[in-house]
Amino acid sequence: LIRRAFELGCTFFDTAEIYAMGANE
């Protein structure tokens, strides 16, 4: 999904250290 977002023109991705205790990063 993240790579599909890039294919659609997205170049800005947001996460955080607390999202799922680091798993999201």
PDB file of all heavy atoms in Angstrom:
ATOM      1  N   LEU A   1       0.833  -1.200   0.000  1.00  0.00           N
ATOM      2  CA  LEU A   1       0.000   0.000   0.000  1.00  0.00           C
ATOM      3  C   LEU A   1       0.871   1.255   0.000  1.00  0.00           C
ATOM      4  O   LEU A   1       0.593   2.215  -0.727  1.00  0.00           O
ATOM      5  CB  LEU A   1      -0.921  -0.005   1.216  1.00  0.00           C
ATOM      6  CG  LEU A   1      -2.116  -0.954   1.159  1.00  0.00           C
ATOM      7  CD1 LEU A   1      -2.764  -1.075   2.529  1.00  0.00           C
ATOM      8  CD2 LEU A   1      -3.131  -0.480   0.133  1.00  0.00           C
ATOM      9  N   ILE A   2       1.920   1.257   0.811  1.00  0.00           N
ATOM     10  CA  ILE A   2       2.814   2.413   0.851  1.00  0.00           C
ATOM     11  C   ILE A   2       3.483   2.622  -0.510  1.00  0.00           C
ATOM     12  O   ILE A   2       3.578   3.752  -1.014  1.00  0.00           O
ATOM     13  CB  ILE A   2       3.866   2.232   1.964  1.00  0.00           C
ATOM     14  CG1 ILE A   2       3.197   2.289   3.343  1.00  0.00           C
ATOM     15  CG2 ILE A   2       4.962   3.293   1.860  1.00  0.00           C
ATOM     16  CD1 ILE A   2       4.105   1.927   4.494  1.00  0.00           C
ATOM     17  N   ARG A   3       3.911   1.541  -1.115  1.00  0.00           N
ATOM     18  CA  ARG A   3       4.565   1.665  -2.425  1.00  0.00           C
ATOM     19  C   ARG A   3       3.565   2.065  -3.505  1.00  0.00           C
ATOM     20  O   ARG A   3       3.917   2.777  -4.461  1.00  0.00           O
ATOM     21  CB  ARG A   3       5.274   0.355  -2.764  1.00  0.00           C
ATOM     22  CG  ARG A   3       6.486   0.121  -1.861  1.00  0.00           C
ATOM     23  CD  ARG A   3       7.178  -1.197  -2.104  1.00  0.00           C
ATOM     24  NE  ARG A   3       8.317  -1.340  -1.200  1.00  0.00           N
ATOM     25  CZ  ARG A   3       9.021  -2.459  -1.043  1.00  0.00           C
ATOM     26  NH1 ARG A   3       8.700  -3.554  -1.753  1.00  0.00           N
ATOM     27  NH2 ARG A   3      10.043  -2.503  -0.206  1.00  0.00           N
ATOM     28  N   ARG A   4       2.311   1.647  -3.346  1.00  0.00           N
ATOM     29  CA  ARG A   4       1.280   2.072  -4.292  1.00  0.00           C
ATOM     30  C   ARG A   4       1.046   3.577  -4.159  1.00  0.00           C
ATOM     31  O   ARG A   4       0.825   4.269  -5.155  1.00  0.00           O
ATOM     32  CB  ARG A   4      -0.016   1.301  -4.040  1.00  0.00           C
ATOM     33  CG  ARG A   4      -1.181   1.719  -4.942  1.00  0.00           C
ATOM     34  CD  ARG A   4      -0.847   1.543  -6.415  1.00  0.00           C
ATOM     35  NE  ARG A   4      -1.960   1.955  -7.265  1.00  0.00           N
ATOM     36  CZ  ARG A   4      -1.821   2.370  -8.517  1.00  0.00           C
ATOM     37  NH1 ARG A   4      -0.606   2.427  -9.079  1.00  0.00           N
ATOM     38  NH2 ARG A   4      -2.871   2.705  -9.223  1.00  0.00           N
ATOM     39  N   ALA A   5       1.095   4.080  -2.927  1.00  0.00           N
ATOM     40  CA  ALA A   5       0.954   5.516  -2.718  1.00  0.00           C
ATOM     41  C   ALA A   5       2.033   6.275  -3.489  1.00  0.00           C
ATOM     42  O   ALA A   5       1.761   7.306  -4.124  1.00  0.00           O
ATOM     43  CB  ALA A   5       1.039   5.844  -1.228  1.00  0.00           C
ATOM     44  N   PHE A   6       3.254   5.767  -3.459  1.00  0.00           N
ATOM     45  CA  PHE A   6       4.340   6.404  -4.207  1.00  0.00           C
ATOM     46  C   PHE A   6       4.060   6.360  -5.714  1.00  0.00           C
ATOM     47  O   PHE A   6       4.275   7.353  -6.427  1.00  0.00           O
ATOM     48  CB  PHE A   6       5.664   5.713  -3.904  1.00  0.00           C
ATOM     49  CG  PHE A   6       6.827   6.240  -4.703  1.00  0.00           C
ATOM     50  CD1 PHE A   6       7.420   7.449  -4.373  1.00  0.00           C
ATOM     51  CD2 PHE A   6       7.306   5.537  -5.801  1.00  0.00           C
ATOM     52  CE1 PHE A   6       8.484   7.948  -5.123  1.00  0.00           C
ATOM     53  CE2 PHE A   6       8.360   6.018  -6.547  1.00  0.00           C
ATOM     54  CZ  PHE A   6       8.963   7.229  -6.210  1.00  0.00           C
ATOM     55  N   GLU A   7       3.574   5.231  -6.193  1.00  0.00           N
ATOM     56  CA  GLU A   7       3.248   5.106  -7.617  1.00  0.00           C
ATOM     57  C   GLU A   7       2.191   6.123  -8.039  1.00  0.00           C
ATOM     58  O   GLU A   7       2.175   6.579  -9.191  1.00  0.00           O
ATOM     59  CB  GLU A   7       2.750   3.694  -7.920  1.00  0.00           C
ATOM     60  CG  GLU A   7       3.824   2.616  -7.799  1.00  0.00           C
ATOM     61  CD  GLU A   7       3.248   1.211  -7.904  1.00  0.00           C
ATOM     62  OE1 GLU A   7       2.010   1.083  -8.011  1.00  0.00           O
ATOM     63  OE2 GLU A   7       4.038   0.252  -7.869  1.00  0.00           O
ATOM     64  N   LEU A   8       1.325   6.480  -7.099  1.00  0.00           N
ATOM     65  CA  LEU A   8       0.263   7.447  -7.384  1.00  0.00           C
ATOM     66  C   LEU A   8       0.735   8.891  -7.233  1.00  0.00           C
ATOM     67  O   LEU A   8      -0.060   9.818  -7.381  1.00  0.00           O
ATOM     68  CB  LEU A   8      -0.926   7.191  -6.458  1.00  0.00           C
ATOM     69  CG  LEU A   8      -1.674   5.869  -6.704  1.00  0.00           C
ATOM     70  CD1 LEU A   8      -2.630   5.574  -5.554  1.00  0.00           C
ATOM     71  CD2 LEU A   8      -2.420   5.928  -8.032  1.00  0.00           C
ATOM     72  N   GLY A   9       2.016   9.086  -6.929  1.00  0.00           N
ATOM     73  CA  GLY A   9       2.577  10.431  -6.875  1.00  0.00           C
ATOM     74  C   GLY A   9       2.867  10.964  -5.502  1.00  0.00           C
ATOM     75  O   GLY A   9       3.367  12.085  -5.352  1.00  0.00           O
ATOM     76  N   CYS A  10       2.563  10.195  -4.458  1.00  0.00           N
ATOM     77  CA  CYS A  10       2.817  10.659  -3.092  1.00  0.00           C
ATOM     78  C   CYS A  10       4.304  10.538  -2.765  1.00  0.00           C
ATOM     79  O   CYS A  10       4.909   9.479  -2.961  1.00  0.00           O
ATOM     80  CB  CYS A  10       2.001   9.836  -2.101  1.00  0.00           C
ATOM     81  SG  CYS A  10       2.296  10.294  -0.375  1.00  0.00           S
ATOM     82  N   THR A  11       4.874  11.609  -2.233  1.00  0.00           N
ATOM     83  CA  THR A  11       6.285  11.587  -1.822  1.00  0.00           C
ATOM     84  C   THR A  11       6.462  11.970  -0.361  1.00  0.00           C
ATOM     85  O   THR A  11       7.577  12.179   0.107  1.00  0.00           O
ATOM     86  CB  THR A  11       7.124  12.546  -2.691  1.00  0.00           C
ATOM     87  OG1 THR A  11       6.648  13.894  -2.507  1.00  0.00           O
ATOM     88  CG2 THR A  11       7.046  12.173  -4.165  1.00  0.00           C
ATOM     89  N   PHE A  12       5.365  12.044   0.403  1.00  0.00           N
ATOM     90  CA  PHE A  12       5.393  12.531   1.779  1.00  0.00           C
ATOM     91  C   PHE A  12       4.683  11.522   2.676  1.00  0.00           C
ATOM     92  O   PHE A  12       3.472  11.316   2.551  1.00  0.00           O
ATOM     93  CB  PHE A  12       4.706  13.898   1.836  1.00  0.00           C
ATOM     94  CG  PHE A  12       4.781  14.597   3.158  1.00  0.00           C
ATOM     95  CD1 PHE A  12       5.916  14.552   3.954  1.00  0.00           C
ATOM     96  CD2 PHE A  12       3.695  15.352   3.608  1.00  0.00           C
ATOM     97  CE1 PHE A  12       5.974  15.222   5.170  1.00  0.00           C
ATOM     98  CE2 PHE A  12       3.747  16.027   4.815  1.00  0.00           C
ATOM     99  CZ  PHE A  12       4.888  15.963   5.597  1.00  0.00           C
ATOM    100  N   PHE A  13       5.444  10.882   3.568  1.00  0.00           N
ATOM    101  CA  PHE A  13       4.915   9.785   4.378  1.00  0.00           C
ATOM    102  C   PHE A  13       5.094  10.102   5.857  1.00  0.00           C
ATOM    103  O   PHE A  13       6.180  10.480   6.291  1.00  0.00           O
ATOM    104  CB  PHE A  13       5.618   8.477   4.004  1.00  0.00           C
ATOM    105  CG  PHE A  13       5.359   8.052   2.584  1.00  0.00           C
ATOM    106  CD1 PHE A  13       6.126   8.561   1.543  1.00  0.00           C
ATOM    107  CD2 PHE A  13       4.328   7.180   2.287  1.00  0.00           C
ATOM    108  CE1 PHE A  13       5.879   8.194   0.219  1.00  0.00           C
ATOM    109  CE2 PHE A  13       4.072   6.801   0.976  1.00  0.00           C
ATOM    110  CZ  PHE A  13       4.845   7.306  -0.066  1.00  0.00           C
ATOM    111  N   ASP A  14       4.023   9.912   6.629  1.00  0.00           N
ATOM    112  CA  ASP A  14       3.994  10.317   8.024  1.00  0.00           C
ATOM    113  C   ASP A  14       3.836   9.128   8.955  1.00  0.00           C
ATOM    114  O   ASP A  14       2.967   8.278   8.761  1.00  0.00           O
ATOM    115  CB  ASP A  14       2.816  11.281   8.245  1.00  0.00           C
ATOM    116  CG  ASP A  14       2.758  11.803   9.668  1.00  0.00           C
ATOM    117  OD1 ASP A  14       3.381  12.844   9.935  1.00  0.00           O
ATOM    118  OD2 ASP A  14       2.089  11.171  10.512  1.00  0.00           O
ATOM    119  N   THR A  15       4.670   9.083  10.002  1.00  0.00           N
ATOM    120  CA  THR A  15       4.599   8.032  11.006  1.00  0.00           C
ATOM    121  C   THR A  15       4.964   8.648  12.356  1.00  0.00           C
ATOM    122  O   THR A  15       5.052   9.866  12.505  1.00  0.00           O
ATOM    123  CB  THR A  15       5.526   6.849  10.640  1.00  0.00           C
ATOM    124  OG1 THR A  15       5.400   5.812  11.618  1.00  0.00           O
ATOM    125  CG2 THR A  15       6.977   7.274  10.525  1.00  0.00           C
ATOM    126  N   ALA A  16       5.160   7.814  13.388  1.00  0.00           N
ATOM    127  CA  ALA A  16       5.543   8.304  14.712  1.00  0.00           C
ATOM    128  C   ALA A  16       6.073   7.152  15.537  1.00  0.00           C
ATOM    129  O   ALA A  16       5.702   5.995  15.329  1.00  0.00           O
ATOM    130  CB  ALA A  16       4.351   8.948  15.430  1.00  0.00           C
ATOM    131  N   GLU A  17       6.914   7.487  16.517  1.00  0.00           N
ATOM    132  CA  GLU A  17       7.502   6.447  17.360  1.00  0.00           C
ATOM    133  C   GLU A  17       6.456   5.691  18.171  1.00  0.00           C
ATOM    134  O   GLU A  17       6.634   4.515  18.496  1.00  0.00           O
ATOM    135  CB  GLU A  17       8.555   7.043  18.302  1.00  0.00           C
ATOM    136  CG  GLU A  17       7.989   8.008  19.334  1.00  0.00           C
ATOM    137  CD  GLU A  17       9.033   8.506  20.333  1.00  0.00           C
ATOM    138  OE1 GLU A  17      10.232   8.314  20.088  1.00  0.00           O
ATOM    139  OE2 GLU A  17       8.629   9.102  21.359  1.00  0.00           O
ATOM    140  N   ILE A  18       5.343   6.356  18.523  1.00  0.00           N
ATOM    141  CA  ILE A  18       4.350   5.699  19.374  1.00  0.00           C
ATOM    142  C   ILE A  18       3.341   4.866  18.593  1.00  0.00           C
ATOM    143  O   ILE A  18       2.552   4.146  19.206  1.00  0.00           O
ATOM    144  CB  ILE A  18       3.595   6.709  20.265  1.00  0.00           C
ATOM    145  CG1 ILE A  18       2.695   7.617  19.411  1.00  0.00           C
ATOM    146  CG2 ILE A  18       4.550   7.505  21.110  1.00  0.00           C
ATOM    147  CD1 ILE A  18       1.714   8.419  20.265  1.00  0.00           C
ATOM    148  N   TYR A  19       3.343   4.936  17.283  1.00  0.00           N
ATOM    149  CA  TYR A  19       2.383   4.151  16.518  1.00  0.00           C
ATOM    150  C   TYR A  19       2.766   2.673  16.602  1.00  0.00           C
ATOM    151  O   TYR A  19       3.791   2.257  16.055  1.00  0.00           O
ATOM    152  CB  TYR A  19       2.345   4.589  15.057  1.00  0.00           C
ATOM    153  CG  TYR A  19       1.826   5.996  14.820  1.00  0.00           C
ATOM    154  CD1 TYR A  19       2.034   6.637  13.606  1.00  0.00           C
ATOM    155  CD2 TYR A  19       1.130   6.687  15.811  1.00  0.00           C
ATOM    156  CE1 TYR A  19       1.559   7.915  13.372  1.00  0.00           C
ATOM    157  CE2 TYR A  19       0.661   7.977  15.588  1.00  0.00           C
ATOM    158  CZ  TYR A  19       0.873   8.583  14.370  1.00  0.00           C
ATOM    159  OH  TYR A  19       0.413   9.864  14.142  1.00  0.00           O
ATOM    160  N   ALA A  20       1.937   1.916  17.314  1.00  0.00           N
ATOM    161  CA  ALA A  20       2.176   0.477  17.501  1.00  0.00           C
ATOM    162  C   ALA A  20       3.564   0.225  18.089  1.00  0.00           C
ATOM    163  O   ALA A  20       4.254  -0.714  17.693  1.00  0.00           O
ATOM    164  CB  ALA A  20       1.985  -0.280  16.197  1.00  0.00           C
ATOM    165  N   MET A  21       3.973   1.106  18.998  1.00  0.00           N
ATOM    166  CA  MET A  21       5.239   0.949  19.725  1.00  0.00           C
ATOM    167  C   MET A  21       6.434   0.771  18.786  1.00  0.00           C
ATOM    168  O   MET A  21       7.306  -0.061  19.004  1.00  0.00           O
ATOM    169  CB  MET A  21       5.146  -0.214  20.712  1.00  0.00           C
ATOM    170  CG  MET A  21       4.110  -0.004  21.812  1.00  0.00           C
ATOM    171  SD  MET A  21       4.039  -1.341  23.026  1.00  0.00           S
ATOM    172  CE  MET A  21       3.405  -2.668  22.010  1.00  0.00           C
ATOM    173  N   GLY A  22       6.472   1.568  17.750  1.00  0.00           N
ATOM    174  CA  GLY A  22       7.595   1.552  16.815  1.00  0.00           C
ATOM    175  C   GLY A  22       7.396   0.673  15.604  1.00  0.00           C
ATOM    176  O   GLY A  22       8.145   0.793  14.624  1.00  0.00           O
ATOM    177  N   ALA A  23       6.400  -0.194  15.625  1.00  0.00           N
ATOM    178  CA  ALA A  23       6.191  -1.113  14.503  1.00  0.00           C
ATOM    179  C   ALA A  23       5.853  -0.365  13.218  1.00  0.00           C
ATOM    180  O   ALA A  23       6.239  -0.782  12.124  1.00  0.00           O
ATOM    181  CB  ALA A  23       5.091  -2.118  14.835  1.00  0.00           C
ATOM    182  N   ASN A  24       5.129   0.765  13.351  1.00  0.00           N
ATOM    183  CA  ASN A  24       4.767   1.517  12.163  1.00  0.00           C
ATOM    184  C   ASN A  24       5.998   2.134  11.510  1.00  0.00           C
ATOM    185  O   ASN A  24       6.119   2.154  10.274  1.00  0.00           O
ATOM    186  CB  ASN A  24       3.749   2.596  12.519  1.00  0.00           C
ATOM    187  CG  ASN A  24       3.071   3.194  11.304  1.00  0.00           C
ATOM    188  OD1 ASN A  24       3.277   4.364  10.967  1.00  0.00           O
ATOM    189  ND2 ASN A  24       2.242   2.404  10.645  1.00  0.00           N
ATOM    190  N   GLU A  25       6.934   2.636  12.315  1.00  0.00           N
ATOM    191  CA  GLU A  25       8.177   3.168  11.745  1.00  0.00           C
ATOM    192  C   GLU A  25       8.938   2.073  11.003  1.00  0.00           C
ATOM    193  O   GLU A  25       9.460   2.308   9.902  1.00  0.00           O
ATOM    194  CB  GLU A  25       9.063   3.756  12.841  1.00  0.00           C
ATOM    195  CG  GLU A  25       8.588   5.096  13.369  1.00  0.00           C
ATOM    196  CD  GLU A  25       9.538   5.689  14.381  1.00  0.00           C
ATOM    197  OE1 GLU A  25      10.090   4.927  15.213  1.00  0.00           O
ATOM    198  OE2 GLU A  25       9.746   6.919  14.361  1.00  0.00           O
TER     199      GLU A  25
END
